[in-house]
Protein backbone atom coordinates (compact mmCIF):
# COMPACT_ATOMS: atom_id res chain seq x y z
CA UNK A 1 91.92 68.83 -80.59
CA UNK A 2 95.00 69.67 -78.52
CA UNK A 3 96.07 73.24 -77.84
CA UNK A 4 99.77 72.44 -78.38
CA UNK A 5 99.07 70.87 -81.79
CA UNK A 6 102.07 68.55 -81.26
CA UNK A 7 101.97 65.11 -82.76
CA UNK A 8 101.97 62.29 -80.23
CA UNK A 9 103.34 59.70 -82.65
CA UNK A 10 106.19 57.69 -81.21
CA UNK A 11 108.65 58.44 -83.99
CA UNK A 12 107.88 62.14 -84.18
CA UNK A 13 110.69 64.11 -85.82
CA UNK A 14 112.30 66.65 -83.53
CA UNK A 15 114.09 69.85 -84.42
CA UNK A 16 117.45 70.64 -82.93
CA UNK A 17 117.51 72.81 -79.84
CA UNK A 18 118.57 76.27 -80.90
CA UNK A 19 122.18 77.26 -81.31
CA UNK A 20 121.52 80.10 -78.90
CA UNK A 21 122.09 77.82 -75.92
CA UNK A 22 124.26 75.35 -77.81
CA UNK A 23 126.83 74.37 -75.21
CA UNK A 24 129.33 71.76 -76.31
CA UNK A 25 127.28 70.32 -79.17
CA UNK A 26 129.14 68.70 -82.03
CA UNK A 27 126.53 69.46 -84.72
CA UNK A 28 126.12 73.16 -85.41
CA UNK A 29 123.44 75.19 -87.08
CA UNK A 30 124.28 78.47 -88.80
CA UNK A 31 126.13 81.17 -86.85
CA UNK A 32 123.91 82.61 -84.17
CA UNK A 33 123.70 85.56 -81.82
CA UNK A 34 125.68 86.30 -78.68
CA UNK A 35 128.70 84.35 -79.85
CA UNK A 36 126.96 81.08 -79.11
CA UNK A 37 128.97 79.36 -81.84
CA UNK A 38 131.98 79.55 -79.53
CA UNK A 39 131.03 76.51 -77.50
CA UNK A 40 132.69 76.67 -74.09
CA UNK A 41 134.35 73.75 -72.42
CA UNK A 42 134.25 73.13 -68.71
CA UNK A 43 137.80 74.45 -68.32
CA UNK A 44 136.69 77.84 -69.63
CA UNK A 45 134.27 78.44 -66.78
CA UNK A 46 135.41 80.49 -63.82
CA UNK A 47 132.16 80.23 -61.84
CA UNK A 48 131.22 76.69 -60.91
CA UNK A 49 127.57 75.83 -60.34
CA UNK A 50 128.23 72.54 -58.53
CA UNK A 51 131.16 71.03 -56.68
CA UNK A 52 132.92 68.02 -58.12
CA UNK A 53 131.94 65.95 -55.09
CA UNK A 54 128.26 66.56 -55.85
CA UNK A 55 128.51 64.32 -58.91
CA UNK A 56 129.55 61.21 -56.96
CA UNK A 57 126.05 59.73 -56.85
CA UNK A 58 125.17 56.08 -56.52
CA UNK A 59 122.24 55.43 -58.84
CA UNK A 60 120.94 52.55 -56.80
CA UNK A 61 120.53 54.88 -53.80
CA UNK A 62 118.48 57.43 -55.69
CA UNK A 63 114.79 57.09 -54.88
CA UNK A 64 112.87 59.49 -57.12
CA UNK A 65 109.56 59.07 -55.35
CA UNK A 66 111.09 60.04 -51.99
CA UNK A 67 113.16 62.91 -53.38
CA UNK A 68 111.31 64.50 -56.30
CA UNK A 69 113.07 67.33 -58.05
CA UNK A 70 111.32 70.42 -59.33
CA UNK A 71 112.63 73.20 -61.58
CA UNK A 72 111.09 76.65 -61.17
CA UNK A 73 109.93 78.80 -64.05
CA UNK A 74 111.97 81.90 -64.80
CA UNK A 75 110.74 85.18 -63.40
CA UNK A 76 109.63 87.69 -66.03
CA UNK A 77 108.62 91.20 -65.10
CA UNK A 78 105.81 92.93 -66.94
CA UNK A 79 106.93 95.84 -69.05
CA UNK A 80 110.53 94.72 -69.53
CA UNK A 81 111.89 94.49 -73.06
CA UNK A 82 114.64 91.95 -73.72
CA UNK A 83 116.82 92.72 -76.72
CA UNK A 84 118.66 89.77 -78.16
CA UNK A 85 116.13 87.20 -76.94
CA UNK A 86 115.92 83.99 -78.94
CA UNK A 87 112.92 82.01 -80.20
CA UNK A 88 113.97 78.39 -79.74
CA UNK A 89 110.78 76.47 -80.60
CA UNK A 90 107.33 77.27 -82.00
CA UNK A 91 104.19 75.17 -81.67
CA UNK A 92 102.08 78.01 -83.04
CA UNK A 93 101.59 81.75 -82.59
CA UNK A 94 99.86 81.32 -79.23
CA UNK A 95 102.51 78.95 -77.85
CA UNK A 96 106.22 79.39 -78.52
CA UNK A 97 109.41 79.32 -76.47
CA UNK A 98 111.76 82.25 -75.84
CA UNK A 99 115.22 82.17 -74.25
CA UNK A 100 116.58 85.30 -72.57
CA UNK A 101 120.24 86.28 -73.04
CA UNK A 102 120.83 87.27 -69.40
CA UNK A 103 121.33 83.69 -68.14
CA UNK A 104 123.00 82.15 -71.19
CA UNK A 105 126.46 81.86 -69.60
CA UNK A 106 125.03 80.32 -66.44
CA UNK A 107 123.19 77.74 -68.53
CA UNK A 108 126.31 76.90 -70.56
CA UNK A 109 128.21 76.35 -67.33
CA UNK A 110 125.48 74.08 -65.96
CA UNK A 111 125.30 72.14 -69.23
CA UNK A 112 129.04 71.44 -69.34
CA UNK A 113 129.19 70.37 -65.69
CA UNK A 114 126.04 68.27 -66.01
CA UNK A 115 127.49 66.34 -68.95
CA UNK A 116 130.75 65.75 -67.12
CA UNK A 117 128.78 64.43 -64.17
CA UNK A 118 126.42 62.14 -66.13
CA UNK A 119 129.28 60.74 -68.22
CA UNK A 120 130.36 59.08 -64.95
CA UNK A 121 126.86 58.07 -63.93
CA UNK A 122 125.93 54.49 -64.83
CA UNK A 123 122.61 53.68 -66.48
CA UNK A 124 119.96 52.93 -63.88
CA UNK A 125 118.01 50.02 -65.33
CA UNK A 126 115.37 50.27 -62.60
CA UNK A 127 114.55 53.95 -63.00
CA UNK A 128 110.81 54.47 -63.25
CA UNK A 129 109.27 57.84 -64.05
CA UNK A 130 105.72 59.10 -64.30
CA UNK A 131 104.17 61.97 -66.22
CA UNK A 132 105.42 65.41 -65.11
CA UNK A 133 108.61 64.08 -63.46
CA UNK A 134 111.78 66.04 -64.13
CA UNK A 135 114.77 64.13 -65.43
CA UNK A 136 117.89 64.39 -67.58
CA UNK A 137 117.65 63.03 -71.12
CA UNK A 138 120.34 62.08 -73.64
CA UNK A 139 119.44 63.90 -76.82
CA UNK A 140 119.32 61.55 -79.81
CA UNK A 141 121.09 63.92 -82.23
CA UNK A 142 124.29 64.60 -80.27
CA UNK A 143 124.14 62.16 -77.30
CA UNK A 144 124.60 64.98 -74.79
CA UNK A 145 122.52 65.34 -71.65
CA UNK A 146 119.88 68.04 -71.22
CA UNK A 147 117.33 68.85 -68.56
CA UNK A 148 113.94 67.43 -69.44
CA UNK A 149 110.46 66.57 -68.19
CA UNK A 150 108.33 63.51 -68.86
CA UNK A 151 105.25 64.29 -70.95
CA UNK A 152 103.98 60.78 -71.75
CA UNK A 153 104.90 57.25 -70.67
CA UNK A 154 104.39 54.24 -72.94
CA UNK A 155 104.80 50.74 -71.45
CA UNK A 156 104.06 48.41 -74.36
CA UNK A 157 105.97 46.65 -75.75
CA UNK A 158 108.86 48.39 -73.96
CA UNK A 159 108.93 51.36 -71.62
CA UNK A 160 109.74 54.62 -73.36
CA UNK A 161 109.21 58.25 -72.53
CA UNK A 162 108.17 61.33 -74.41
CA UNK A 163 110.23 64.16 -72.90
CA UNK A 164 110.34 67.89 -73.45
CA UNK A 165 113.68 69.66 -73.17
CA UNK A 166 112.68 72.36 -70.72
CA UNK A 167 115.45 74.80 -71.66
CA UNK A 168 114.59 74.69 -75.38
CA UNK A 169 110.94 73.64 -75.84
CA UNK A 170 111.27 70.73 -78.29
CA UNK A 171 110.49 67.11 -77.49
CA UNK A 172 111.15 63.53 -78.52
CA UNK A 173 110.55 59.90 -77.54
CA UNK A 174 113.40 58.07 -75.79
CA UNK A 175 113.98 54.56 -74.39
CA UNK A 176 114.69 54.09 -70.70
CA UNK A 177 118.46 53.79 -71.18
CA UNK A 178 118.56 57.40 -72.45
CA UNK A 179 116.98 58.76 -69.25
CA UNK A 180 118.69 59.68 -65.97
CA UNK A 181 117.37 61.05 -62.69
CA UNK A 182 117.93 64.78 -62.28
CA UNK A 183 120.24 65.43 -59.37
CA UNK A 184 119.10 68.33 -57.26
CA UNK A 185 122.16 70.50 -57.92
CA UNK A 186 121.12 70.75 -61.57
CA UNK A 187 117.59 71.93 -60.74
CA UNK A 188 118.36 75.30 -59.19
CA UNK A 189 118.72 77.30 -62.41
CA UNK A 190 115.18 78.24 -63.53
CA UNK A 191 113.72 76.84 -66.75
CA UNK A 192 115.34 78.74 -69.61
CA UNK A 193 112.63 78.40 -72.27
CA UNK A 194 109.78 80.77 -71.40
CA UNK A 195 106.45 79.89 -73.01
CA UNK A 196 104.82 82.89 -74.69
CA UNK A 197 101.69 83.93 -76.56
CA UNK A 198 101.73 86.73 -79.13
CA UNK A 199 99.33 89.27 -77.71
CA UNK A 200 96.06 90.22 -79.44
CA UNK A 201 96.45 87.85 -82.38
CA UNK A 202 93.99 85.09 -83.30
CA UNK A 203 93.60 82.66 -86.24
CA UNK A 204 91.56 84.15 -89.07
CA UNK A 205 89.76 81.00 -90.25
CA UNK A 206 85.97 80.74 -90.24
CA UNK A 207 84.33 78.64 -87.56
CA UNK A 208 86.23 77.88 -84.38
CA UNK A 209 89.64 79.62 -84.52
CA UNK A 210 92.50 77.15 -84.92
CA UNK A 211 96.18 77.43 -85.77
CA UNK A 212 95.79 73.98 -87.35
CA UNK A 213 93.42 75.30 -90.03
CA UNK A 214 94.78 76.09 -93.48
CA UNK A 215 94.75 79.82 -92.69
CA UNK A 216 96.31 79.20 -89.31
CA UNK A 217 99.08 77.03 -90.73
CA UNK A 218 99.99 79.72 -93.26
CA UNK A 219 100.25 82.31 -90.48
CA UNK A 220 102.36 79.98 -88.33
CA UNK A 221 104.70 79.24 -91.24
CA UNK A 222 105.27 82.95 -91.85
CA UNK A 223 105.80 83.50 -88.12
CA UNK A 224 108.42 80.73 -88.05
CA UNK A 225 110.23 82.14 -91.07
CA UNK A 226 110.39 85.55 -89.38
CA UNK A 227 111.47 84.66 -85.82
CA UNK A 228 112.39 80.99 -85.29
CA UNK A 229 116.07 80.51 -84.34
CA UNK A 230 116.57 84.25 -84.60
CA UNK A 231 117.40 87.13 -82.31
CA UNK A 232 114.33 89.25 -81.48
CA UNK A 233 113.16 91.94 -79.09
CA UNK A 234 110.55 90.60 -76.66
CA UNK A 235 108.40 92.76 -74.39
CA UNK A 236 106.49 90.98 -71.62
CA UNK A 237 103.01 92.40 -71.00
CA UNK A 238 101.04 92.46 -67.72
CA UNK A 239 99.92 89.01 -66.62
CA UNK A 240 96.31 87.97 -66.34
CA UNK A 241 94.63 85.25 -64.31
CA UNK A 242 92.69 84.25 -67.41
CA UNK A 243 95.67 82.85 -69.33
CA UNK A 244 98.68 80.91 -67.95
CA UNK A 245 101.23 81.78 -70.67
CA UNK A 246 103.12 85.06 -71.01
CA UNK A 247 101.60 87.59 -73.37
CA UNK A 248 104.34 89.29 -75.36
CA UNK A 249 105.07 91.70 -78.17
CA UNK A 250 107.83 90.67 -80.57
CA UNK A 251 109.88 92.69 -83.01
CA UNK A 252 112.50 91.31 -85.38
CA UNK A 253 116.08 92.54 -85.53
CA UNK A 254 114.98 94.76 -88.41
CA UNK A 255 112.32 96.36 -86.17
CA UNK A 256 109.29 94.65 -87.71
CA UNK A 257 106.48 94.27 -85.16
CA UNK A 258 105.04 90.79 -85.62
CA UNK A 259 101.50 91.73 -84.54
CA UNK A 260 101.37 94.38 -87.24
CA UNK A 261 102.96 92.12 -89.83
CA UNK A 262 100.52 89.25 -89.29
CA UNK A 263 97.32 91.27 -88.94
CA UNK A 264 97.84 93.78 -91.77
CA UNK A 265 98.57 93.38 -95.46
CA UNK A 266 102.31 94.03 -95.11
CA UNK A 267 102.99 90.42 -96.11
CA UNK A 268 100.73 90.66 -99.16
CA UNK A 269 97.62 89.44 -97.37
CA UNK A 270 96.17 89.44 -93.86
CA UNK A 271 97.38 86.26 -92.17
CA UNK A 272 95.74 86.54 -88.73
CA UNK A 273 93.02 88.47 -86.93
CA UNK A 274 93.81 91.38 -84.61
CA UNK A 275 91.79 91.51 -81.39
CA UNK A 276 91.16 94.17 -78.77
CA UNK A 277 92.60 92.64 -75.65
CA UNK A 278 93.10 88.89 -75.19
CA UNK A 279 89.74 87.77 -73.83
CA UNK A 280 88.76 86.18 -77.16
CA UNK A 281 91.91 84.07 -77.07
CA UNK A 282 91.15 82.87 -73.55
CA UNK A 283 87.54 82.10 -74.46
CA UNK A 284 88.54 79.99 -77.46
CA UNK A 285 91.71 78.25 -76.28
CA UNK A 286 91.47 77.83 -72.52
CA UNK A 287 89.07 74.88 -72.77
CA UNK A 288 91.55 73.11 -75.08
CA UNK A 289 94.30 72.96 -72.47
CA UNK A 290 94.86 69.35 -71.40
CA UNK A 291 97.17 67.81 -68.81
CA UNK A 292 99.69 67.24 -71.59
CA UNK A 293 99.74 70.99 -72.35
CA UNK A 294 100.24 71.85 -68.69
CA UNK A 295 103.38 69.69 -68.66
CA UNK A 296 104.68 70.91 -72.03
CA UNK A 297 104.30 74.54 -71.00
CA UNK A 298 105.34 74.21 -67.33
CA UNK A 299 101.96 75.40 -66.07
CA UNK A 300 101.50 74.52 -62.37
CA UNK A 301 98.52 72.32 -61.66
CA UNK A 302 97.17 70.47 -58.64
CA UNK A 303 98.47 66.94 -58.34
CA UNK A 304 101.45 67.34 -60.66
CA UNK A 305 103.55 65.35 -58.19
CA UNK A 306 105.97 68.18 -57.51
CA UNK A 307 104.10 70.17 -54.90
CA UNK A 308 105.02 68.21 -51.77
CA UNK A 309 108.80 68.53 -51.77
CA UNK A 310 110.33 71.54 -50.04
CA UNK A 311 106.84 72.97 -49.66
CA UNK A 312 108.01 75.85 -47.46
CA UNK A 313 110.73 76.79 -49.94
CA UNK A 314 108.25 76.55 -52.79
CA UNK A 315 105.71 78.74 -51.00
CA UNK A 316 108.37 81.32 -50.13
CA UNK A 317 109.61 81.35 -53.71
CA UNK A 318 106.09 81.75 -55.08
CA UNK A 319 105.35 84.53 -52.58
CA UNK A 320 108.53 86.37 -53.60
CA UNK A 321 107.74 86.00 -57.30
CA UNK A 322 104.18 87.28 -56.85
CA UNK A 323 105.41 90.17 -54.70
CA UNK A 324 107.94 91.23 -57.31
CA UNK A 325 105.39 91.00 -60.12
CA UNK A 326 102.86 93.14 -58.24
CA UNK A 327 105.51 95.69 -57.28
CA UNK A 328 106.78 95.83 -60.85
CA UNK A 329 103.31 96.59 -62.17
CA UNK A 330 102.89 99.49 -59.74
CA UNK A 331 106.35 100.89 -60.38
CA UNK A 332 106.22 100.61 -64.16
CA UNK A 333 102.82 102.30 -64.29
CA UNK A 334 103.73 105.03 -61.83
CA UNK A 335 104.64 108.48 -63.07
CA UNK A 336 106.86 111.08 -61.50
CA UNK A 337 106.32 114.83 -61.72
CA UNK A 338 109.07 116.73 -63.46
CA UNK A 339 109.22 120.53 -63.45
CA UNK A 340 110.26 122.21 -66.66
CA UNK A 341 112.28 125.41 -66.73
CA UNK A 342 109.19 127.47 -67.60
CA UNK A 343 107.43 126.39 -64.42
CA UNK A 344 105.04 123.90 -66.03
CA UNK A 345 104.92 120.29 -64.94
CA UNK A 346 104.90 117.09 -66.97
CA UNK A 347 104.53 113.43 -66.09
CA UNK A 348 107.20 110.95 -67.10
CA UNK A 349 108.00 107.33 -66.35
CA UNK A 350 110.45 106.47 -63.61
CA UNK A 351 113.24 104.99 -65.73
CA UNK A 352 115.46 104.33 -62.72
CA UNK A 353 112.79 101.99 -61.30
CA UNK A 354 112.61 100.19 -64.65
CA UNK A 355 116.35 99.53 -64.58
CA UNK A 356 116.12 98.33 -60.98
CA UNK A 357 113.36 95.82 -61.79
CA UNK A 358 115.21 94.56 -64.84
CA UNK A 359 118.27 93.92 -62.65
CA UNK A 360 116.11 92.19 -60.04
CA UNK A 361 114.73 89.89 -62.74
CA UNK A 362 118.27 88.97 -63.80
CA UNK A 363 119.36 88.23 -60.22
CA UNK A 364 116.32 85.98 -59.62
CA UNK A 365 116.85 83.97 -62.80
CA UNK A 366 120.54 83.42 -62.14
């Protein structure tokens, strides 16, 4: 049993990346939020992410093993609520991908410039990748290039790669000629698809809880119908060392809290089990996490092949991220004393600090 519940068959069907971050795609889904249907061209961008000269790479001089590229996860601050977030892919209720609206324009700019660059970059017949390597992959549905990561390598009869599109969350198998090395200038924007777990919700089936059970599948199907490829409000909850994904609360545009909807009879029957805290989820699912899941969900692990490059930069970045997360917890849980006109005192949250942390999160991720 795999936690992700993704099929590993070579010809696995793959859903389109969401229209939320649809930059320059020819095939469109239905109209989406944030004006994403107005696909920008490179000429529309006023802020360039890379210089034109940066795209003049010689593929034969690119040695991936000597210059590995890593893409950092986005920073999310506990307690922040993101209105207009977008659910781009769902494996199940304990593993789904959310895109935040704050960095959408930056991503569209990167996507347009990346495709202009790789249109001039010849196929490297000798490129050889291993599991967990970052790369750029040519999506089979529209032939545009997207940032990706290698999940699985198959070498017989021909070399092909299973890749996950790190800014969307979906995956597919591709032959070598559809894969390019990721140039470093396209790695600086953090991963746009944040992997989340709906807090305090478990499968309701008897025996070992599983989203692959009949009861679990029904709950997942309802969850997809409610939030997949839709604008939602996402609140990130305090992180725990017990679970590597982000615990979140989700409400639909209509204000329906998904925890309440799934664990009560609002839908006509109780679809999932409500829990007090998330320890039960950790106890049941943590042992199911395999190396494949760590790659799919961008969970750092020892020996992933990306920890040697720019080690000082990586350590400084990790230190900064941890510092911000700890500070945010203290600030968001602090209260300030406010005197009322009658002389009594009340405690209220420091809303100015909340706004400051939200802005800090946006600056980090852009």
